[in-house]
Amino acid sequence: MDDVKKEFSFLYQLVDYCYQKDLAKRIDLDQYQLSTLTLLFRNHVLKNKIAGRNLKRIDIIQNKKSLQDGKLHLASF
């Protein structure tokens, strides 16, 4: 936990800034708790990056009454 501030300095500073700005008046957190939050946010960001890379297509399904056949149409991009 001592190295989190050094290893992930940008994210730690961001977490600390948001804490000081919004929560410091209501909640007391020490350095270790901020480090834990930093690691949780890092884990969340990494999961979202990996999940975002797996998306290779977008499917759009539309059903319009103006279409003559009245069927569902699928378009992939």
Protein backbone atom coordinates (compact mmCIF):
# COMPACT_ATOMS: atom_id res chain seq x y z
CA MET A 1 0.00 0.00 0.00
CA ASP A 2 2.93 2.32 0.52
CA ASP A 3 3.92 2.19 -3.14
CA VAL A 4 0.49 2.97 -4.60
CA LYS A 5 1.10 6.70 -4.32
CA LYS A 6 4.34 6.28 -6.32
CA GLU A 7 3.23 3.59 -8.79
CA PHE A 8 -0.07 5.20 -9.75
CA SER A 9 0.68 8.81 -8.93
CA PHE A 10 -1.72 10.37 -11.46
CA LEU A 11 -4.68 8.25 -10.39
CA TYR A 12 -3.84 8.64 -6.71
CA GLN A 13 -3.69 12.43 -7.09
CA LEU A 14 -7.02 12.39 -8.91
CA VAL A 15 -8.66 10.31 -6.17
CA ASP A 16 -7.15 12.55 -3.50
CA TYR A 17 -8.30 15.70 -5.31
CA CYS A 18 -11.88 14.41 -5.60
CA TYR A 19 -11.81 13.35 -1.96
CA GLN A 20 -10.56 16.75 -0.79
CA LYS A 21 -13.07 18.56 -2.99
CA ASP A 22 -16.22 16.59 -2.21
CA LEU A 23 -15.84 14.26 0.77
CA ALA A 24 -13.22 15.54 3.19
CA LYS A 25 -15.74 17.57 5.16
CA ARG A 26 -17.98 14.54 5.74
CA ILE A 27 -15.63 11.52 5.76
CA ASP A 28 -12.15 11.11 7.18
CA LEU A 29 -9.90 8.86 5.08
CA ASP A 30 -6.25 8.17 5.66
CA GLN A 31 -3.50 7.49 3.11
CA TYR A 32 -4.12 3.72 3.14
CA GLN A 33 -7.81 4.13 2.47
CA LEU A 34 -7.09 6.50 -0.43
CA SER A 35 -4.61 3.93 -1.74
CA THR A 36 -7.28 1.25 -1.55
CA LEU A 37 -9.71 3.45 -3.47
CA THR A 38 -7.01 4.13 -6.06
CA LEU A 39 -6.47 0.40 -6.58
CA LEU A 40 -10.22 -0.20 -6.88
CA PHE A 41 -10.53 2.52 -9.51
CA ARG A 42 -7.51 1.15 -11.37
CA ASN A 43 -9.05 -2.32 -11.42
CA HIS A 44 -12.33 -0.88 -12.73
CA VAL A 45 -10.56 1.09 -15.47
CA LEU A 46 -8.58 -1.97 -16.59
CA LYS A 47 -11.70 -4.13 -16.78
CA ASN A 48 -13.48 -1.51 -18.87
CA LYS A 49 -10.52 -1.16 -21.23
CA ILE A 50 -10.44 -4.91 -21.85
CA ALA A 51 -14.21 -5.10 -22.27
CA GLY A 52 -14.15 -2.16 -24.68
CA ARG A 53 -11.60 -3.81 -26.94
CA ASN A 54 -13.79 -6.86 -27.48
CA LEU A 55 -16.58 -4.89 -29.11
CA LYS A 56 -16.23 -5.34 -32.85
CA ARG A 57 -19.69 -4.60 -34.16
CA ILE A 58 -22.82 -2.67 -33.43
CA ASP A 59 -26.23 -4.15 -34.15
CA ILE A 60 -29.18 -1.86 -34.78
CA ILE A 61 -32.63 -3.36 -34.83
CA GLN A 62 -35.50 -1.29 -36.09
CA ASN A 63 -39.18 -1.88 -36.57
CA LYS A 64 -40.92 0.93 -38.38
CA LYS A 65 -44.58 1.02 -39.25
CA SER A 66 -43.71 2.86 -42.42
CA LEU A 67 -41.94 -0.23 -43.78
CA GLN A 68 -44.19 -2.07 -46.16
CA ASP A 69 -43.34 -5.60 -45.00
CA GLY A 70 -43.59 -4.76 -41.25
CA LYS A 71 -40.62 -7.02 -40.40
CA LEU A 72 -37.70 -6.38 -38.11
CA HIS A 73 -34.53 -5.29 -39.87
CA LEU A 74 -31.03 -5.87 -38.56
CA ALA A 75 -28.05 -3.79 -39.61
CA SER A 76 -24.51 -4.63 -38.48
CA PHE A 77 -21.58 -2.26 -38.59
